[in-house]
Amino acid sequence: MKNYSMDLLVSTEYRSNTIIEVDKQSELELFEEVYKLAKYFKEELNYDFVPFCPYGDLREEYKALLFTEEAPDKFIKEPMPYRIYGACNFTIQKFTEEPDRWVLKWIWLHPFFRNRGNLKKNWKKLEEKFGDFLIESPISNDMNSFLENINSKYEHIVI
């Protein structure tokens, strides 16, 4: 196994206690943060490539999201800082005989933030934003377990 550190951005600038949407109008720093977390995803799951471009050129059919929460351990003075602990990426899949649908391409949470209800807490927000989305295969054992625990109705798609 390779050794690498997993640094998480803590900032008072990005103040959201759940999700920050990263789109083509977002600051480059947010794209770089998604890219950094996508690199962690690549390393952990032994992918050949990083599944995100850091240059801020998201088209309308792509959406990246960053998961955040308060960082009281880094609090010195107001305002409260927030820590970005995960990211995911969605894209629109076009079909010929059925409506286009959003596809969850990948999702990664820092290991410290797994199995603490963070994904479950944010899953409803993903459903509200992306409707009845598909999930791209392959799917990790942890993600399969999560989907089983929430009695998922989600279809898997191989692209």
N, C-alpha and C. Protein backbone atom coordinates (compact mmCIF):
# COMPACT_ATOMS: atom_id res chain seq x y z
N MET A 1 0.84 -1.18 0.00
CA MET A 1 0.00 0.00 0.00
C MET A 1 0.88 1.24 0.00
N LYS A 2 0.46 2.22 -0.75
CA LYS A 2 1.21 3.47 -0.83
C LYS A 2 0.95 4.31 0.41
N ASN A 3 1.96 5.06 0.81
CA ASN A 3 1.79 6.01 1.91
C ASN A 3 1.49 7.38 1.34
N TYR A 4 0.45 7.99 1.82
CA TYR A 4 0.14 9.36 1.46
C TYR A 4 -0.72 9.95 2.56
N SER A 5 -0.65 11.24 2.71
CA SER A 5 -1.47 11.89 3.73
C SER A 5 -2.76 12.37 3.10
N MET A 6 -3.76 12.53 3.93
CA MET A 6 -5.06 13.01 3.46
C MET A 6 -5.39 14.29 4.21
N ASP A 7 -5.00 15.40 3.63
CA ASP A 7 -5.25 16.69 4.25
C ASP A 7 -6.63 17.19 3.84
N LEU A 8 -7.35 17.71 4.81
CA LEU A 8 -8.69 18.25 4.55
C LEU A 8 -8.67 19.76 4.74
N LEU A 9 -9.29 20.46 3.81
CA LEU A 9 -9.36 21.92 3.87
C LEU A 9 -10.27 22.35 5.01
N VAL A 10 -9.76 23.26 5.85
CA VAL A 10 -10.55 23.91 6.89
C VAL A 10 -10.53 25.39 6.57
N SER A 11 -11.73 25.99 6.52
CA SER A 11 -11.83 27.38 6.07
C SER A 11 -13.03 28.06 6.71
N THR A 12 -12.91 29.36 6.89
CA THR A 12 -14.07 30.15 7.31
C THR A 12 -14.75 30.77 6.09
N GLU A 13 -14.13 30.63 4.93
CA GLU A 13 -14.68 31.21 3.70
C GLU A 13 -15.85 30.40 3.15
N TYR A 14 -15.77 29.09 3.23
CA TYR A 14 -16.81 28.22 2.69
C TYR A 14 -17.66 27.73 3.83
N ARG A 15 -18.70 28.49 4.15
CA ARG A 15 -19.50 28.24 5.33
C ARG A 15 -20.81 27.56 4.96
N SER A 16 -20.77 26.26 4.94
CA SER A 16 -21.96 25.47 4.69
C SER A 16 -21.86 24.26 5.60
N ASN A 17 -22.95 23.90 6.25
CA ASN A 17 -22.89 22.76 7.16
C ASN A 17 -23.34 21.46 6.51
N THR A 18 -23.40 21.43 5.19
CA THR A 18 -23.76 20.18 4.54
C THR A 18 -23.05 20.02 3.20
N ILE A 19 -23.50 20.76 2.19
CA ILE A 19 -23.01 20.53 0.82
C ILE A 19 -22.70 21.86 0.15
N ILE A 20 -21.59 21.90 -0.57
CA ILE A 20 -21.25 23.03 -1.44
C ILE A 20 -21.29 22.51 -2.86
N GLU A 21 -22.09 23.14 -3.71
CA GLU A 21 -22.12 22.75 -5.11
C GLU A 21 -20.99 23.46 -5.85
N VAL A 22 -20.27 22.70 -6.64
CA VAL A 22 -19.17 23.24 -7.44
C VAL A 22 -19.61 23.19 -8.89
N ASP A 23 -19.75 24.37 -9.48
CA ASP A 23 -20.15 24.44 -10.89
C ASP A 23 -19.21 25.37 -11.64
N LYS A 24 -19.51 25.64 -12.88
CA LYS A 24 -18.57 26.40 -13.71
C LYS A 24 -18.33 27.82 -13.22
N GLN A 25 -19.17 28.34 -12.32
CA GLN A 25 -18.94 29.67 -11.76
C GLN A 25 -18.13 29.64 -10.47
N SER A 26 -17.83 28.47 -9.96
CA SER A 26 -17.15 28.35 -8.67
C SER A 26 -15.68 28.77 -8.76
N GLU A 27 -15.14 29.10 -7.60
CA GLU A 27 -13.73 29.48 -7.51
C GLU A 27 -12.85 28.27 -7.82
N LEU A 28 -11.70 28.54 -8.40
CA LEU A 28 -10.76 27.48 -8.75
C LEU A 28 -10.36 26.66 -7.53
N GLU A 29 -10.26 27.29 -6.36
CA GLU A 29 -9.89 26.56 -5.14
C GLU A 29 -10.85 25.41 -4.85
N LEU A 30 -12.14 25.60 -5.14
CA LEU A 30 -13.11 24.52 -4.91
C LEU A 30 -12.91 23.38 -5.90
N PHE A 31 -12.60 23.70 -7.15
CA PHE A 31 -12.29 22.66 -8.14
C PHE A 31 -11.06 21.87 -7.69
N GLU A 32 -10.06 22.60 -7.19
CA GLU A 32 -8.84 21.93 -6.73
C GLU A 32 -9.13 21.02 -5.54
N GLU A 33 -10.06 21.43 -4.69
CA GLU A 33 -10.42 20.60 -3.53
C GLU A 33 -11.13 19.32 -3.99
N VAL A 34 -12.06 19.45 -4.94
CA VAL A 34 -12.72 18.25 -5.48
C VAL A 34 -11.67 17.35 -6.10
N TYR A 35 -10.76 17.92 -6.86
CA TYR A 35 -9.71 17.14 -7.51
C TYR A 35 -8.84 16.40 -6.48
N LYS A 36 -8.49 17.09 -5.40
CA LYS A 36 -7.67 16.46 -4.36
C LYS A 36 -8.40 15.25 -3.77
N LEU A 37 -9.69 15.40 -3.50
CA LEU A 37 -10.46 14.29 -2.94
C LEU A 37 -10.66 13.18 -3.98
N ALA A 38 -10.78 13.56 -5.25
CA ALA A 38 -10.86 12.56 -6.32
C ALA A 38 -9.56 11.76 -6.42
N LYS A 39 -8.43 12.42 -6.15
CA LYS A 39 -7.15 11.69 -6.11
C LYS A 39 -7.13 10.68 -4.98
N TYR A 40 -7.67 11.04 -3.81
CA TYR A 40 -7.75 10.10 -2.70
C TYR A 40 -8.63 8.90 -3.09
N PHE A 41 -9.73 9.19 -3.77
CA PHE A 41 -10.63 8.13 -4.28
C PHE A 41 -9.85 7.18 -5.19
N LYS A 42 -9.09 7.76 -6.13
CA LYS A 42 -8.29 6.98 -7.07
C LYS A 42 -7.30 6.08 -6.32
N GLU A 43 -6.59 6.66 -5.36
CA GLU A 43 -5.58 5.90 -4.61
C GLU A 43 -6.21 4.77 -3.81
N GLU A 44 -7.29 5.08 -3.12
CA GLU A 44 -7.91 4.07 -2.26
C GLU A 44 -8.46 2.90 -3.05
N LEU A 45 -9.06 3.19 -4.20
CA LEU A 45 -9.71 2.14 -4.99
C LEU A 45 -8.86 1.64 -6.15
N ASN A 46 -7.61 2.11 -6.20
CA ASN A 46 -6.66 1.65 -7.23
C ASN A 46 -7.15 1.88 -8.65
N TYR A 47 -7.73 3.04 -8.90
CA TYR A 47 -8.14 3.39 -10.26
C TYR A 47 -6.91 3.81 -11.05
N ASP A 48 -7.03 3.78 -12.36
CA ASP A 48 -5.93 4.17 -13.25
C ASP A 48 -5.83 5.69 -13.42
N PHE A 49 -6.91 6.40 -13.18
CA PHE A 49 -6.93 7.84 -13.44
C PHE A 49 -7.74 8.54 -12.36
N VAL A 50 -7.52 9.84 -12.24
CA VAL A 50 -8.30 10.66 -11.31
C VAL A 50 -9.59 11.05 -12.03
N PRO A 51 -10.76 10.77 -11.44
CA PRO A 51 -12.02 10.98 -12.15
C PRO A 51 -12.57 12.41 -12.09
N PHE A 52 -11.69 13.40 -12.13
CA PHE A 52 -12.15 14.79 -12.09
C PHE A 52 -11.06 15.69 -12.64
N CYS A 53 -11.47 16.76 -13.31
CA CYS A 53 -10.54 17.74 -13.88
C CYS A 53 -10.47 18.95 -12.95
N PRO A 54 -9.27 19.39 -12.57
CA PRO A 54 -9.16 20.48 -11.60
C PRO A 54 -9.24 21.88 -12.19
N TYR A 55 -9.51 22.03 -13.46
CA TYR A 55 -9.35 23.33 -14.11
C TYR A 55 -10.60 24.18 -14.19
N GLY A 56 -11.67 23.75 -13.59
CA GLY A 56 -12.84 24.61 -13.55
C GLY A 56 -13.65 24.65 -14.82
N ASP A 57 -13.61 23.59 -15.62
CA ASP A 57 -14.35 23.63 -16.88
C ASP A 57 -15.57 22.71 -16.87
N LEU A 58 -16.28 22.65 -15.76
CA LEU A 58 -17.48 21.82 -15.69
C LEU A 58 -18.52 22.34 -16.67
N ARG A 59 -19.05 21.44 -17.45
CA ARG A 59 -20.15 21.79 -18.33
C ARG A 59 -21.46 21.63 -17.56
N GLU A 60 -22.55 22.07 -18.15
CA GLU A 60 -23.86 22.02 -17.49
C GLU A 60 -24.24 20.60 -17.08
N GLU A 61 -23.80 19.60 -17.84
CA GLU A 61 -24.22 18.23 -17.55
C GLU A 61 -23.38 17.56 -16.46
N TYR A 62 -22.49 18.30 -15.82
CA TYR A 62 -21.67 17.79 -14.72
C TYR A 62 -21.89 18.63 -13.47
N LYS A 63 -21.94 17.96 -12.33
CA LYS A 63 -22.04 18.67 -11.04
C LYS A 63 -21.10 17.98 -10.06
N ALA A 64 -20.32 18.76 -9.37
CA ALA A 64 -19.49 18.24 -8.28
C ALA A 64 -20.03 18.83 -6.98
N LEU A 65 -19.94 18.05 -5.93
CA LEU A 65 -20.40 18.50 -4.62
C LEU A 65 -19.31 18.22 -3.59
N LEU A 66 -19.18 19.13 -2.64
CA LEU A 66 -18.27 18.95 -1.51
C LEU A 66 -19.11 18.83 -0.24
N PHE A 67 -18.75 17.89 0.62
CA PHE A 67 -19.45 17.69 1.89
C PHE A 67 -18.65 18.39 2.99
N THR A 68 -19.36 19.14 3.82
CA THR A 68 -18.71 19.95 4.85
C THR A 68 -19.42 19.81 6.19
N GLU A 69 -18.68 20.17 7.24
CA GLU A 69 -19.28 20.30 8.56
C GLU A 69 -18.43 21.26 9.38
N GLU A 70 -18.99 21.74 10.49
CA GLU A 70 -18.24 22.62 11.37
C GLU A 70 -16.97 21.93 11.86
N ALA A 71 -15.93 22.73 12.07
CA ALA A 71 -14.65 22.21 12.57
C ALA A 71 -14.34 22.87 13.92
N PRO A 72 -15.07 22.50 14.97
CA PRO A 72 -14.84 23.15 16.27
C PRO A 72 -13.43 22.93 16.82
N ASP A 73 -12.78 21.87 16.38
CA ASP A 73 -11.40 21.62 16.83
C ASP A 73 -10.42 22.66 16.29
N LYS A 74 -10.83 23.40 15.25
CA LYS A 74 -9.97 24.44 14.67
C LYS A 74 -10.48 25.85 15.02
N PHE A 75 -11.51 25.93 15.86
CA PHE A 75 -12.10 27.21 16.21
C PHE A 75 -11.17 28.02 17.10
N ILE A 76 -10.89 29.26 16.69
CA ILE A 76 -10.08 30.19 17.48
C ILE A 76 -10.92 31.42 17.82
N LYS A 77 -11.53 31.99 16.80
CA LYS A 77 -12.43 33.13 16.99
C LYS A 77 -13.46 33.11 15.88
N GLU A 78 -14.53 33.86 16.08
CA GLU A 78 -15.60 33.90 15.07
C GLU A 78 -15.03 34.34 13.73
N PRO A 79 -15.53 33.81 12.65
CA PRO A 79 -16.59 32.81 12.51
C PRO A 79 -16.07 31.39 12.68
N MET A 80 -17.01 30.48 12.88
CA MET A 80 -16.68 29.06 13.02
C MET A 80 -16.11 28.54 11.69
N PRO A 81 -14.98 27.85 11.72
CA PRO A 81 -14.46 27.26 10.48
C PRO A 81 -15.22 25.98 10.11
N TYR A 82 -15.17 25.65 8.85
CA TYR A 82 -15.79 24.43 8.32
C TYR A 82 -14.73 23.57 7.67
N ARG A 83 -14.94 22.27 7.75
CA ARG A 83 -14.00 21.30 7.16
C ARG A 83 -14.70 20.61 6.00
N ILE A 84 -13.99 20.52 4.86
CA ILE A 84 -14.48 19.74 3.72
C ILE A 84 -13.95 18.33 3.91
N TYR A 85 -14.87 17.36 3.99
CA TYR A 85 -14.47 15.98 4.29
C TYR A 85 -14.81 14.98 3.19
N GLY A 86 -15.43 15.42 2.11
CA GLY A 86 -15.77 14.48 1.05
C GLY A 86 -16.24 15.19 -0.19
N ALA A 87 -16.36 14.42 -1.26
CA ALA A 87 -16.81 14.97 -2.54
C ALA A 87 -17.48 13.88 -3.35
N CYS A 88 -18.25 14.33 -4.33
CA CYS A 88 -18.84 13.40 -5.30
C CYS A 88 -19.02 14.14 -6.62
N ASN A 89 -19.32 13.37 -7.66
CA ASN A 89 -19.47 13.93 -9.00
C ASN A 89 -20.63 13.25 -9.70
N PHE A 90 -21.50 14.05 -10.29
CA PHE A 90 -22.64 13.56 -11.06
C PHE A 90 -22.52 14.01 -12.50
N THR A 91 -23.09 13.25 -13.41
CA THR A 91 -23.19 13.65 -14.80
C THR A 91 -24.53 13.18 -15.35
N ILE A 92 -24.96 13.79 -16.45
CA ILE A 92 -26.21 13.37 -17.10
C ILE A 92 -25.89 12.27 -18.10
N GLN A 93 -26.64 11.19 -18.03
CA GLN A 93 -26.52 10.10 -19.00
C GLN A 93 -27.69 10.22 -19.97
N LYS A 94 -27.38 10.27 -21.23
CA LYS A 94 -28.42 10.39 -22.26
C LYS A 94 -28.80 8.99 -22.74
N PHE A 95 -30.08 8.75 -22.85
CA PHE A 95 -30.62 7.48 -23.32
C PHE A 95 -31.45 7.72 -24.57
N THR A 96 -31.53 6.74 -25.43
CA THR A 96 -32.31 6.91 -26.67
C THR A 96 -33.79 6.64 -26.46
N GLU A 97 -34.13 5.69 -25.59
CA GLU A 97 -35.54 5.31 -25.46
C GLU A 97 -36.15 5.63 -24.10
N GLU A 98 -35.44 6.34 -23.27
CA GLU A 98 -35.98 6.78 -21.99
C GLU A 98 -35.38 8.14 -21.65
N PRO A 99 -35.95 8.84 -20.68
CA PRO A 99 -35.44 10.17 -20.34
C PRO A 99 -34.00 10.15 -19.83
N ASP A 100 -33.30 11.25 -20.06
CA ASP A 100 -31.94 11.40 -19.53
C ASP A 100 -32.02 11.34 -18.00
N ARG A 101 -30.94 10.82 -17.39
CA ARG A 101 -30.90 10.72 -15.93
C ARG A 101 -29.52 11.10 -15.42
N TRP A 102 -29.51 11.61 -14.20
CA TRP A 102 -28.25 11.87 -13.52
C TRP A 102 -27.62 10.55 -13.09
N VAL A 103 -26.28 10.52 -13.13
CA VAL A 103 -25.52 9.34 -12.69
C VAL A 103 -24.49 9.79 -11.66
N LEU A 104 -24.48 9.11 -10.52
CA LEU A 104 -23.43 9.33 -9.53
C LEU A 104 -22.19 8.62 -10.04
N LYS A 105 -21.18 9.38 -10.46
CA LYS A 105 -19.96 8.82 -11.03
C LYS A 105 -19.04 8.27 -9.95
N TRP A 106 -18.87 9.02 -8.88
CA TRP A 106 -18.02 8.58 -7.77
C TRP A 106 -18.36 9.42 -6.54
N ILE A 107 -18.05 8.85 -5.40
CA ILE A 107 -18.22 9.56 -4.14
C ILE A 107 -17.12 9.08 -3.20
N TRP A 108 -16.55 10.01 -2.44
CA TRP A 108 -15.48 9.66 -1.51
C TRP A 108 -15.61 10.51 -0.26
N LEU A 109 -15.55 9.85 0.90
CA LEU A 109 -15.51 10.53 2.19
C LEU A 109 -14.22 10.12 2.89
N HIS A 110 -13.60 11.07 3.58
CA HIS A 110 -12.43 10.77 4.39
C HIS A 110 -12.79 9.63 5.35
N PRO A 111 -11.89 8.67 5.55
CA PRO A 111 -12.21 7.52 6.42
C PRO A 111 -12.72 7.89 7.82
N PHE A 112 -12.23 8.99 8.39
CA PHE A 112 -12.70 9.41 9.71
C PHE A 112 -14.20 9.74 9.70
N PHE A 113 -14.73 10.17 8.55
CA PHE A 113 -16.12 10.61 8.46
C PHE A 113 -17.06 9.52 7.97
N ARG A 114 -16.55 8.33 7.74
CA ARG A 114 -17.38 7.21 7.32
C ARG A 114 -18.00 6.55 8.55
N ASN A 115 -19.09 5.86 8.32
CA ASN A 115 -19.79 5.11 9.38
C ASN A 115 -20.18 5.99 10.56
N ARG A 116 -20.46 7.25 10.28
CA ARG A 116 -20.89 8.20 11.31
C ARG A 116 -22.21 8.87 10.91
N GLY A 117 -22.85 8.34 9.87
CA GLY A 117 -24.13 8.89 9.43
C GLY A 117 -24.02 10.06 8.47
N ASN A 118 -22.81 10.42 8.06
CA ASN A 118 -22.65 11.59 7.18
C ASN A 118 -23.24 11.37 5.80
N LEU A 119 -23.00 10.21 5.20
CA LEU A 119 -23.57 9.96 3.88
C LEU A 119 -25.08 9.84 3.96
N LYS A 120 -25.56 9.14 4.96
CA LYS A 120 -27.02 8.99 5.12
C LYS A 120 -27.67 10.36 5.31
N LYS A 121 -27.03 11.22 6.10
CA LYS A 121 -27.55 12.57 6.35
C LYS A 121 -27.67 13.37 5.05
N ASN A 122 -26.72 13.18 4.15
CA ASN A 122 -26.71 13.95 2.91
C ASN A 122 -27.41 13.25 1.75
N TRP A 123 -27.73 11.98 1.88
CA TRP A 123 -28.32 11.21 0.77
C TRP A 123 -29.64 11.82 0.32
N LYS A 124 -30.47 12.23 1.26
CA LYS A 124 -31.77 12.84 0.90
C LYS A 124 -31.57 14.11 0.08
N LYS A 125 -30.52 14.87 0.40
CA LYS A 125 -30.23 16.08 -0.37
C LYS A 125 -29.82 15.72 -1.79
N LEU A 126 -29.06 14.63 -1.93
CA LEU A 126 -28.68 14.17 -3.27
C LEU A 126 -29.92 13.74 -4.05
N GLU A 127 -30.84 13.05 -3.38
CA GLU A 127 -32.09 12.63 -4.03
C GLU A 127 -32.93 13.83 -4.45
N GLU A 128 -32.99 14.84 -3.59
CA GLU A 128 -33.76 16.05 -3.93
C GLU A 128 -33.16 16.76 -5.13
N LYS A 129 -31.85 16.83 -5.18
CA LYS A 129 -31.17 17.55 -6.26
C LYS A 129 -31.14 16.79 -7.57
N PHE A 130 -30.92 15.45 -7.51
CA PHE A 130 -30.70 14.67 -8.72
C PHE A 130 -31.80 13.65 -9.03
N GLY A 131 -32.85 13.64 -8.22
CA GLY A 131 -33.98 12.75 -8.50
C GLY A 131 -33.61 11.28 -8.40
N ASP A 132 -34.18 10.50 -9.26
CA ASP A 132 -33.97 9.04 -9.29
C ASP A 132 -32.70 8.76 -10.09
N PHE A 133 -31.55 9.03 -9.50
CA PHE A 133 -30.29 8.92 -10.23
C PHE A 133 -29.80 7.48 -10.28
N LEU A 134 -28.89 7.22 -11.20
CA LEU A 134 -28.22 5.93 -11.33
C LEU A 134 -26.88 6.00 -10.61
N ILE A 135 -26.30 4.85 -10.31
CA ILE A 135 -24.98 4.80 -9.68
C ILE A 135 -24.06 4.01 -10.60
N GLU A 136 -22.95 4.64 -10.98
CA GLU A 136 -22.01 3.99 -11.89
C GLU A 136 -21.22 2.89 -11.20
N SER A 137 -21.10 1.77 -11.88
CA SER A 137 -20.27 0.65 -11.40
C SER A 137 -18.84 0.89 -11.85
N PRO A 138 -17.86 0.29 -11.18
CA PRO A 138 -18.00 -0.63 -10.05
C PRO A 138 -18.30 0.12 -8.77
N ILE A 139 -18.90 -0.60 -7.84
CA ILE A 139 -19.29 -0.03 -6.56
C ILE A 139 -18.50 -0.74 -5.47
N SER A 140 -17.92 0.03 -4.58
CA SER A 140 -17.10 -0.55 -3.50
C SER A 140 -17.98 -1.35 -2.55
N ASN A 141 -17.33 -2.22 -1.78
CA ASN A 141 -18.06 -2.99 -0.76
C ASN A 141 -18.72 -2.08 0.25
N ASP A 142 -18.03 -1.00 0.66
CA ASP A 142 -18.62 -0.05 1.61
C ASP A 142 -19.87 0.60 1.05
N MET A 143 -19.82 0.99 -0.23
CA MET A 143 -20.99 1.62 -0.85
C MET A 143 -22.12 0.61 -0.99
N ASN A 144 -21.81 -0.62 -1.37
CA ASN A 144 -22.85 -1.66 -1.45
C ASN A 144 -23.52 -1.85 -0.09
N SER A 145 -22.73 -1.89 0.97
CA SER A 145 -23.29 -2.03 2.32
C SER A 145 -24.19 -0.86 2.67
N PHE A 146 -23.74 0.35 2.35
CA PHE A 146 -24.56 1.54 2.61
C PHE A 146 -25.88 1.43 1.87
N LEU A 147 -25.84 1.08 0.58
CA LEU A 147 -27.07 0.99 -0.22
C LEU A 147 -28.01 -0.08 0.33
N GLU A 148 -27.46 -1.19 0.80
CA GLU A 148 -28.30 -2.22 1.43
C GLU A 148 -28.93 -1.70 2.71
N ASN A 149 -28.17 -0.97 3.51
CA ASN A 149 -28.68 -0.45 4.78
C ASN A 149 -29.80 0.55 4.61
N ILE A 150 -29.80 1.29 3.52
CA ILE A 150 -30.88 2.26 3.30
C ILE A 150 -31.97 1.69 2.41
N ASN A 151 -31.91 0.37 2.16
CA ASN A 151 -32.90 -0.29 1.28
C ASN A 151 -32.98 0.41 -0.06
N SER A 152 -31.84 0.59 -0.67
CA SER A 152 -31.72 1.37 -1.89
C SER A 152 -32.52 0.78 -3.05
N LYS A 153 -33.11 1.68 -3.80
CA LYS A 153 -33.81 1.32 -5.02
C LYS A 153 -32.95 1.64 -6.24
N TYR A 154 -31.71 2.05 -6.00
CA TYR A 154 -30.88 2.58 -7.07
C TYR A 154 -30.36 1.49 -8.00
N GLU A 155 -30.45 1.82 -9.28
CA GLU A 155 -29.92 0.94 -10.30
C GLU A 155 -28.44 1.26 -10.52
N HIS A 156 -27.70 0.23 -10.85
CA HIS A 156 -26.28 0.41 -11.17
C HIS A 156 -26.15 0.43 -12.67
N ILE A 157 -25.24 1.23 -13.16
CA ILE A 157 -25.03 1.35 -14.59
C ILE A 157 -23.54 1.23 -14.86
N VAL A 158 -23.21 0.52 -15.92
CA VAL A 158 -21.81 0.42 -16.35
C VAL A 158 -21.66 1.32 -17.56
N ILE A 159 -20.76 2.29 -17.48
CA ILE A 159 -20.56 3.23 -18.59
C ILE A 159 -19.23 2.97 -19.21
